[in-house]
C-alpha atoms as a PDB file:
ATOM      1  CA  MET A   1       0.136   0.146   0.027  1.00  0.00           C
ATOM      2  CA  ARG A   2       3.031   2.475   0.375  1.00  0.00           C
ATOM      3  CA  SER A   3       3.549   2.817  -3.456  1.00  0.00           C
ATOM      4  CA  VAL A   4      -0.289   3.157  -3.992  1.00  0.00           C
ATOM      5  CA  ARG A   5       0.325   6.406  -1.191  1.00  0.00           C
ATOM      6  CA  ASP A   6       3.579   7.422  -2.787  1.00  0.00           C
ATOM      7  CA  PHE A   7       1.907   7.678  -5.949  1.00  0.00           C
ATOM      8  CA  THR A   8      -1.189   9.615  -5.103  1.00  0.00           C
ATOM      9  CA  SER A   9       1.057  11.746  -3.130  1.00  0.00           C
ATOM     10  CA  GLY A  10       3.267  12.503  -6.276  1.00  0.00           C
ATOM     11  CA  VAL A  11       0.153  13.185  -7.956  1.00  0.00           C
ATOM     12  CA  GLY A  12      -0.584  15.821  -5.270  1.00  0.00           C
ATOM     13  CA  PHE A  13       2.826  17.297  -5.586  1.00  0.00           C
ATOM     14  CA  PHE A  14       1.408  18.960  -9.370  1.00  0.00           C
ATOM     15  CA  PHE A  15      -2.038  20.475  -7.561  1.00  0.00           C
ATOM     16  CA  GLN A  16       0.454  21.540  -4.959  1.00  0.00           C
ATOM     17  CA  GLY A  17       2.560  22.792  -7.713  1.00  0.00           C
ATOM     18  CA  LEU A  18      -0.634  24.958  -9.425  1.00  0.00           C
ATOM     19  CA  GLY A  19      -1.385  26.390  -6.079  1.00  0.00           C
ATOM     20  CA  TRP A  20       1.510  27.664  -6.019  1.00  0.00           C
ATOM     21  CA  VAL A  21       1.648  29.488  -9.393  1.00  0.00           C
ATOM     22  CA  ALA A  22      -2.054  30.814  -8.595  1.00  0.00           C
ATOM     23  CA  ARG A  23      -1.104  32.785  -5.350  1.00  0.00           C
ATOM     24  CA  ASN A  24       1.681  33.826  -7.368  1.00  0.00           C
ATOM     25  CA  GLY A  25       0.401  35.062 -10.230  1.00  0.00           C
ATOM     26  CA  ARG A  26       3.575  37.044 -12.170  1.00  0.00           C
ATOM     27  CA  TRP A  27       5.413  33.871 -12.063  1.00  0.00           C
ATOM     28  CA  TRP A  28       2.876  31.819 -13.708  1.00  0.00           C
ATOM     29  CA  LEU A  29       2.655  34.521 -16.500  1.00  0.00           C
ATOM     30  CA  PHE A  30       6.504  34.537 -15.918  1.00  0.00           C
ATOM     31  CA  GLY A  31       6.612  30.587 -16.634  1.00  0.00           C
ATOM     32  CA  LEU A  32       4.350  31.108 -19.810  1.00  0.00           C
ATOM     33  CA  ILE A  33       6.464  33.128 -21.961  1.00  0.00           C
ATOM     34  CA  PRO A  34       8.713  30.109 -23.345  1.00  0.00           C
ATOM     35  CA  ALA A  35       5.350  27.803 -22.938  1.00  0.00           C
ATOM     36  CA  LEU A  36       3.831  29.830 -25.676  1.00  0.00           C
ATOM     37  CA  ILE A  37       7.050  30.273 -28.083  1.00  0.00           C
ATOM     38  CA  ALA A  38       7.115  26.031 -27.962  1.00  0.00           C
ATOM     39  CA  PHE A  39       4.033  25.686 -28.518  1.00  0.00           C
ATOM     40  CA  SER A  40       3.589  28.223 -31.492  1.00  0.00           C
ATOM     41  CA  VAL A  41       6.563  26.279 -33.021  1.00  0.00           C
ATOM     42  CA  TYR A  42       5.141  22.912 -32.862  1.00  0.00           C
ATOM     43  CA  VAL A  43       1.625  24.500 -33.940  1.00  0.00           C
ATOM     44  CA  VAL A  44       3.344  25.811 -37.023  1.00  0.00           C
ATOM     45  CA  ALA A  45       5.496  22.650 -37.481  1.00  0.00           C
ATOM     46  CA  LEU A  46       2.401  20.594 -37.613  1.00  0.00           C
ATOM     47  CA  ILE A  47       0.316  22.336 -39.491  1.00  0.00           C
ATOM     48  CA  PHE A  48       3.099  22.225 -42.169  1.00  0.00           C
ATOM     49  CA  LEU A  49       3.535  18.306 -41.906  1.00  0.00           C
ATOM     50  CA  GLY A  50       0.038  18.498 -42.033  1.00  0.00           C
ATOM     51  CA  ASN A  51      -0.587  20.111 -45.341  1.00  0.00           C
ATOM     52  CA  ASN A  52       2.370  18.030 -47.177  1.00  0.00           C
ATOM     53  CA  ALA A  53       1.931  14.956 -45.678  1.00  0.00           C
ATOM     54  CA  THR A  54       0.343  13.106 -48.952  1.00  0.00           C
ATOM     55  CA  GLU A  55       3.475  14.453 -50.524  1.00  0.00           C
ATOM     56  CA  VAL A  56       6.201  13.480 -47.831  1.00  0.00           C
ATOM     57  CA  ALA A  57       4.214   9.804 -48.154  1.00  0.00           C
ATOM     58  CA  THR A  58       4.320   9.859 -52.149  1.00  0.00           C
ATOM     59  CA  PHE A  59       8.105  11.153 -51.925  1.00  0.00           C
ATOM     60  CA  LEU A  60       9.006   8.234 -49.332  1.00  0.00           C
ATOM     61  CA  THR A  61       6.851   5.748 -51.152  1.00  0.00           C
ATOM     62  CA  PRO A  62       8.190   5.295 -55.016  1.00  0.00           C
ATOM     63  CA  PHE A  63       8.002   1.503 -54.900  1.00  0.00           C
ATOM     64  CA  ALA A  64       4.373   2.447 -54.999  1.00  0.00           C
ATOM     65  CA  ASP A  65       4.003   4.255 -58.215  1.00  0.00           C
ATOM     66  CA  SER A  66       2.841   1.103 -59.863  1.00  0.00           C
ATOM     67  CA  TRP A  67       0.335  -0.122 -57.220  1.00  0.00           C
ATOM     68  CA  SER A  68      -3.959   0.655 -58.196  1.00  0.00           C
ATOM     69  CA  TRP A  69      -4.446   1.113 -54.656  1.00  0.00           C
ATOM     70  CA  ARG A  70      -0.977   3.843 -54.211  1.00  0.00           C
ATOM     71  CA  GLU A  71      -3.426   6.821 -53.406  1.00  0.00           C
ATOM     72  CA  LEU A  72      -5.161   4.895 -50.654  1.00  0.00           C
ATOM     73  CA  PHE A  73      -1.657   3.506 -49.513  1.00  0.00           C
ATOM     74  CA  ARG A  74       0.078   6.628 -49.413  1.00  0.00           C
ATOM     75  CA  THR A  75      -3.088   8.515 -47.772  1.00  0.00           C
ATOM     76  CA  LEU A  76      -2.381   5.845 -44.604  1.00  0.00           C
ATOM     77  CA  VAL A  77       1.259   7.020 -44.777  1.00  0.00           C
ATOM     78  CA  GLY A  78       0.729  10.333 -44.752  1.00  0.00           C
ATOM     79  CA  ILE A  79      -2.246   9.739 -41.629  1.00  0.00           C
ATOM     80  CA  ALA A  80       0.395   8.080 -40.458  1.00  0.00           C
ATOM     81  CA  LEU A  81       3.503  10.308 -40.712  1.00  0.00           C
ATOM     82  CA  PHE A  82       0.849  13.081 -38.935  1.00  0.00           C
ATOM     83  CA  LEU A  83       0.296  10.985 -36.164  1.00  0.00           C
ATOM     84  CA  GLY A  84       3.543  10.482 -35.312  1.00  0.00           C
ATOM     85  CA  GLY A  85       4.532  13.770 -35.599  1.00  0.00           C
ATOM     86  CA  LEU A  86       2.283  14.688 -32.889  1.00  0.00           C
ATOM     87  CA  ALA A  87       3.015  11.764 -30.907  1.00  0.00           C
ATOM     88  CA  LEU A  88       6.804  12.809 -30.999  1.00  0.00           C
ATOM     89  CA  ALA A  89       5.284  16.474 -30.200  1.00  0.00           C
ATOM     90  CA  VAL A  90       3.639  15.405 -26.846  1.00  0.00           C
ATOM     91  CA  LEU A  91       7.088  13.418 -25.783  1.00  0.00           C
ATOM     92  CA  THR A  92       9.456  16.225 -26.458  1.00  0.00           C
ATOM     93  CA  PHE A  93       7.293  19.369 -25.462  1.00  0.00           C
ATOM     94  CA  THR A  94       8.859  19.160 -22.147  1.00  0.00           C
ATOM     95  CA  ALA A  95      12.295  19.019 -23.304  1.00  0.00           C
ATOM     96  CA  ILE A  96      12.038  22.090 -25.921  1.00  0.00           C
ATOM     97  CA  THR A  97      10.069  23.988 -23.462  1.00  0.00           C
ATOM     98  CA  LEU A  98      12.756  23.464 -20.503  1.00  0.00           C
ATOM     99  CA  ALA A  99      15.468  24.232 -23.635  1.00  0.00           C
ATOM    100  CA  ILE A 100      13.661  27.594 -24.793  1.00  0.00           C
ATOM    101  CA  GLY A 101      13.111  28.573 -21.017  1.00  0.00           C
ATOM    102  CA  GLU A 102      15.972  27.475 -19.010  1.00  0.00           C
ATOM    103  CA  PRO A 103      16.726  31.209 -17.770  1.00  0.00           C
ATOM    104  CA  PHE A 104      12.875  31.222 -17.085  1.00  0.00           C
ATOM    105  CA  TYR A 105      12.308  28.189 -15.332  1.00  0.00           C
ATOM    106  CA  GLU A 106      15.572  28.059 -13.440  1.00  0.00           C
ATOM    107  CA  ARG A 107      14.067  31.535 -11.695  1.00  0.00           C
ATOM    108  CA  LEU A 108      10.955  30.034 -11.134  1.00  0.00           C
ATOM    109  CA  SER A 109      12.328  26.665  -9.793  1.00  0.00           C
ATOM    110  CA  ALA A 110      14.687  28.860  -7.673  1.00  0.00           C
ATOM    111  CA  ALA A 111      11.575  31.142  -6.290  1.00  0.00           C
ATOM    112  CA  VAL A 112      10.350  27.601  -5.455  1.00  0.00           C
ATOM    113  CA  ASP A 113      12.499  25.976  -3.682  1.00  0.00           C
ATOM    114  CA  VAL A 114      14.458  28.356  -2.054  1.00  0.00           C
ATOM    115  CA  LEU A 115      18.099  26.860  -1.349  1.00  0.00           C
ATOM    116  CA  GLU A 116      20.737  28.473   1.615  1.00  0.00           C
ATOM    117  CA  SER A 117      23.612  27.199  -0.925  1.00  0.00           C
ATOM    118  CA  ALA A 118      23.046  26.170  -4.317  1.00  0.00           C
ATOM    119  CA  ASP A 119      25.108  25.050  -7.513  1.00  0.00           C
ATOM    120  CA  GLU A 120      24.126  28.083  -9.509  1.00  0.00           C
ATOM    121  CA  GLN A 121      25.555  28.557 -12.861  1.00  0.00           C
ATOM    122  CA  PRO A 122      24.746  30.914 -15.722  1.00  0.00           C
ATOM    123  CA  TRP A 123      22.154  29.447 -17.912  1.00  0.00           C
ATOM    124  CA  TRP A 124      24.529  29.622 -20.941  1.00  0.00           C
ATOM    125  CA  ARG A 125      27.152  27.545 -19.121  1.00  0.00           C
ATOM    126  CA  THR A 126      24.218  24.867 -18.566  1.00  0.00           C
ATOM    127  CA  LEU A 127      21.930  24.863 -21.985  1.00  0.00           C
ATOM    128  CA  PRO A 128      24.420  22.800 -23.449  1.00  0.00           C
ATOM    129  CA  ARG A 129      24.359  20.134 -20.317  1.00  0.00           C
ATOM    130  CA  SER A 130      20.606  20.208 -20.773  1.00  0.00           C
ATOM    131  CA  ILE A 131      20.025  19.678 -24.036  1.00  0.00           C
ATOM    132  CA  ARG A 132      22.880  16.791 -24.263  1.00  0.00           C
ATOM    133  CA  ASP A 133      20.602  15.275 -21.108  1.00  0.00           C
ATOM    134  CA  SER A 134      17.229  16.055 -22.827  1.00  0.00           C
ATOM    135  CA  LEU A 135      18.843  14.119 -25.733  1.00  0.00           C
ATOM    136  CA  VAL A 136      19.796  11.121 -23.864  1.00  0.00           C
ATOM    137  CA  THR A 137      16.000  11.095 -21.838  1.00  0.00           C
ATOM    138  CA  LEU A 138      14.335  11.356 -25.374  1.00  0.00           C
ATOM    139  CA  PHE A 139      16.748   8.395 -26.379  1.00  0.00           C
ATOM    140  CA  TYR A 140      15.331   5.758 -23.521  1.00  0.00           C
ATOM    141  CA  VAL A 141      11.913   7.112 -24.264  1.00  0.00           C
ATOM    142  CA  LEU A 142      12.297   6.166 -27.739  1.00  0.00           C
ATOM    143  CA  VAL A 143      13.494   2.914 -26.851  1.00  0.00           C
ATOM    144  CA  PHE A 144      10.658   2.146 -24.533  1.00  0.00           C
ATOM    145  CA  THR A 145       7.904   3.849 -26.791  1.00  0.00           C
ATOM    146  CA  VAL A 146       9.041   2.472 -30.255  1.00  0.00           C
ATOM    147  CA  PRO A 147       8.441  -0.884 -29.422  1.00  0.00           C
ATOM    148  CA  LEU A 148       4.764  -0.028 -27.489  1.00  0.00           C
ATOM    149  CA  PHE A 149       3.903   1.612 -30.548  1.00  0.00           C
ATOM    150  CA  PHE A 150       4.079  -1.587 -32.199  1.00  0.00           C
ATOM    151  CA  LEU A 151       2.223  -3.853 -29.623  1.00  0.00           C
ATOM    152  CA  GLY A 152      -0.481  -1.026 -29.801  1.00  0.00           C
ATOM    153  CA  PHE A 153      -1.598  -3.206 -32.981  1.00  0.00           C
ATOM    154  CA  VAL A 154      -2.182  -6.290 -31.190  1.00  0.00           C
ATOM    155  CA  PRO A 155      -5.472  -6.781 -30.198  1.00  0.00           C
ATOM    156  CA  VAL A 156      -6.923  -6.160 -26.709  1.00  0.00           C
ATOM    157  CA  VAL A 157      -3.490  -5.617 -25.390  1.00  0.00           C
ATOM    158  CA  GLY A 158      -2.839  -3.048 -27.684  1.00  0.00           C
ATOM    159  CA  GLN A 159      -6.120  -0.985 -25.927  1.00  0.00           C
ATOM    160  CA  THR A 160      -5.514  -1.613 -22.630  1.00  0.00           C
ATOM    161  CA  VAL A 161      -2.082  -2.696 -21.425  1.00  0.00           C
ATOM    162  CA  VAL A 162      -0.161  -0.496 -24.005  1.00  0.00           C
ATOM    163  CA  PRO A 163      -1.911   2.880 -23.045  1.00  0.00           C
ATOM    164  CA  VAL A 164      -1.045   2.200 -19.577  1.00  0.00           C
ATOM    165  CA  LEU A 165       2.610   1.151 -19.788  1.00  0.00           C
ATOM    166  CA  GLY A 166       2.813   4.267 -22.383  1.00  0.00           C
ATOM    167  CA  ALA A 167       1.187   6.582 -20.113  1.00  0.00           C
ATOM    168  CA  LEU A 168       3.914   5.423 -16.989  1.00  0.00           C
ATOM    169  CA  VAL A 169       6.827   5.338 -19.332  1.00  0.00           C
ATOM    170  CA  SER A 170       6.013   9.131 -20.421  1.00  0.00           C
ATOM    171  CA  GLY A 171       5.495   9.999 -17.100  1.00  0.00           C
ATOM    172  CA  PHE A 172       8.578   8.820 -15.303  1.00  0.00           C
ATOM    173  CA  PHE A 173      10.595  10.778 -18.252  1.00  0.00           C
ATOM    174  CA  LEU A 174       8.368  13.671 -17.931  1.00  0.00           C
ATOM    175  CA  THR A 175       9.547  13.576 -14.184  1.00  0.00           C
ATOM    176  CA  VAL A 176      12.928  13.228 -15.092  1.00  0.00           C
ATOM    177  CA  GLU A 177      12.922  16.478 -17.315  1.00  0.00           C
ATOM    178  CA  LEU A 178      10.780  18.487 -15.121  1.00  0.00           C
ATOM    179  CA  THR A 179      13.233  17.811 -11.507  1.00  0.00           C
ATOM    180  CA  THR A 180      16.406  18.310 -13.642  1.00  0.00           C
ATOM    181  CA  LEU A 181      16.588  22.223 -12.622  1.00  0.00           C
ATOM    182  CA  ALA A 182      15.525  21.615  -8.912  1.00  0.00           C
ATOM    183  CA  LEU A 183      18.104  18.532  -8.599  1.00  0.00           C
ATOM    184  CA  GLU A 184      21.261  20.051 -11.083  1.00  0.00           C
ATOM    185  CA  ARG A 185      20.592  23.305  -8.351  1.00  0.00           C
ATOM    186  CA  ARG A 186      22.295  20.515  -5.429  1.00  0.00           C
ATOM    187  CA  GLY A 187      24.865  19.828  -7.344  1.00  0.00           C
ATOM    188  CA  MET A 188      23.388  16.196  -8.930  1.00  0.00           C
ATOM    189  CA  ALA A 189      24.622  15.056 -12.335  1.00  0.00           C
ATOM    190  CA  ARG A 190      22.177  12.696 -14.382  1.00  0.00           C
ATOM    191  CA  LYS A 191      23.231   9.618 -13.254  1.00  0.00           C
ATOM    192  CA  ALA A 192      22.573  10.518 -10.175  1.00  0.00           C
ATOM    193  CA  ARG A 193      19.634  12.069 -10.710  1.00  0.00           C
ATOM    194  CA  PHE A 194      17.809   8.970 -12.418  1.00  0.00           C
ATOM    195  CA  ALA A 195      19.102   6.821  -9.493  1.00  0.00           C
ATOM    196  CA  LEU A 196      17.440   9.142  -7.070  1.00  0.00           C
ATOM    197  CA  LEU A 197      13.929   9.234  -9.112  1.00  0.00           C
ATOM    198  CA  ARG A 198      14.790   5.275  -9.665  1.00  0.00           C
ATOM    199  CA  ALA A 199      14.506   4.635  -5.661  1.00  0.00           C
ATOM    200  CA  ASN A 200      11.347   7.086  -5.583  1.00  0.00           C
ATOM    201  CA  LYS A 201       9.365   5.239  -8.315  1.00  0.00           C
ATOM    202  CA  ALA A 202       5.974   5.271  -7.339  1.00  0.00           C
ATOM    203  CA  SER A 203       6.324   9.556  -6.227  1.00  0.00           C
ATOM    204  CA  ALA A 204       8.114   9.968  -9.494  1.00  0.00           C
ATOM    205  CA  LEU A 205       5.223   8.253 -11.137  1.00  0.00           C
ATOM    206  CA  GLY A 206       2.515   9.776  -9.758  1.00  0.00           C
ATOM    207  CA  PHE A 207       3.815  13.191 -10.320  1.00  0.00           C
ATOM    208  CA  GLY A 208       4.696  12.664 -14.046  1.00  0.00           C
ATOM    209  CA  VAL A 209       1.493  10.518 -15.004  1.00  0.00           C
ATOM    210  CA  ALA A 210      -0.338  13.448 -13.740  1.00  0.00           C
ATOM    211  CA  VAL A 211       1.414  15.890 -15.981  1.00  0.00           C
ATOM    212  CA  PHE A 212       1.507  13.560 -19.012  1.00  0.00           C
ATOM    213  CA  LEU A 213      -2.393  13.196 -19.018  1.00  0.00           C
ATOM    214  CA  LEU A 214      -2.776  16.505 -18.830  1.00  0.00           C
ATOM    215  CA  PHE A 215      -0.113  17.621 -21.328  1.00  0.00           C
ATOM    216  CA  LEU A 216      -2.344  15.388 -23.967  1.00  0.00           C
ATOM    217  CA  VAL A 217      -4.649  18.448 -24.177  1.00  0.00           C
ATOM    218  CA  PRO A 218      -2.390  20.766 -26.343  1.00  0.00           C
ATOM    219  CA  PHE A 219      -3.180  24.247 -24.757  1.00  0.00           C
ATOM    220  CA  VAL A 220      -3.631  23.013 -21.097  1.00  0.00           C
ATOM    221  CA  ALA A 221       0.199  22.000 -22.027  1.00  0.00           C
ATOM    222  CA  VAL A 222       1.256  25.544 -22.536  1.00  0.00           C
ATOM    223  CA  ILE A 223      -1.357  26.367 -19.469  1.00  0.00           C
ATOM    224  CA  ALA A 224       0.421  23.559 -16.707  1.00  0.00           C
ATOM    225  CA  MET A 225       3.916  23.695 -17.705  1.00  0.00           C
ATOM    226  CA  PRO A 226       4.770  26.681 -15.160  1.00  0.00           C
ATOM    227  CA  ALA A 227       2.623  24.662 -12.516  1.00  0.00           C
ATOM    228  CA  ALA A 228       4.539  21.401 -13.630  1.00  0.00           C
ATOM    229  CA  VAL A 229       7.575  22.863 -12.888  1.00  0.00           C
ATOM    230  CA  ALA A 230       6.492  24.251  -9.948  1.00  0.00           C
ATOM    231  CA  GLY A 231       4.893  21.028  -8.568  1.00  0.00           C
ATOM    232  CA  ALA A 232       8.605  19.246  -9.852  1.00  0.00           C
ATOM    233  CA  ALA A 233      10.667  21.423  -7.506  1.00  0.00           C
ATOM    234  CA  LEU A 234       8.392  20.962  -4.687  1.00  0.00           C
ATOM    235  CA  LEU A 235       8.456  17.301  -5.405  1.00  0.00           C
ATOM    236  CA  VAL A 236      12.443  17.545  -4.777  1.00  0.00           C
ATOM    237  CA  ARG A 237      11.786  19.869  -1.578  1.00  0.00           C
ATOM    238  CA  THR A 238       9.633  17.965   0.333  1.00  0.00           C
ATOM    239  CA  ARG A 239      10.214  14.095  -0.765  1.00  0.00           C
ATOM    240  CA  LEU A 240      13.394  13.534  -3.348  1.00  0.00           C
ATOM    241  CA  ALA A 241      16.018  15.587  -1.291  1.00  0.00           C
ATOM    242  CA  ALA A 242      14.827  14.304   2.056  1.00  0.00           C
ATOM    243  CA  THR A 243      15.990  10.353   0.597  1.00  0.00           C
ATOM    244  CA  SER A 244      18.991  11.538  -1.240  1.00  0.00           C
END
């Protein structure tokens, strides 16, 4: 039962973060700026992909030129390309937003999680490391999600077990991304951060799954981003730092 309690308490940290930004409206508005920028980039990219999906599908499938049903096949490929782009957007939105808004979210995280002594570095020094760490995290996400994508075509399992596993995997790695700022301020490198989150897996999953489900709704992801950063800082301060 402890795992269930830890999972629900993890969910609670997101709502604590939501409460914090609700009480500190200027920080919420401050945190919206990079989220809106990232959202705009994704919208433009997805519109472009949607408008050109058929042409891209035609380019990728020259072998189908002689098929009598090539138009239907390429339409299906185009739809798959767009859905793949949409899934990739959901998986990478947090990492890209944090990379764009690192100086914003560092200040927001520091305001939520005040430390007497923090490992503070200029954002232009931490940005390359953050991008590298995000790419490593994305690699791990793909290692898990690509097999799940193909398992999704298996009858029954693909419609029941796979979505749950997908939410758990994506939720855990969202927590990895969101807690990076607060844990880096404590001088923790990537391997140490991963180890700490694995040791507190239920709390990490509870927080991440709640954020993941909200982020599936496009504009909600923008509005909730400052709350997610604040909640991650509270998760680190209240739960993770106490066990490290």
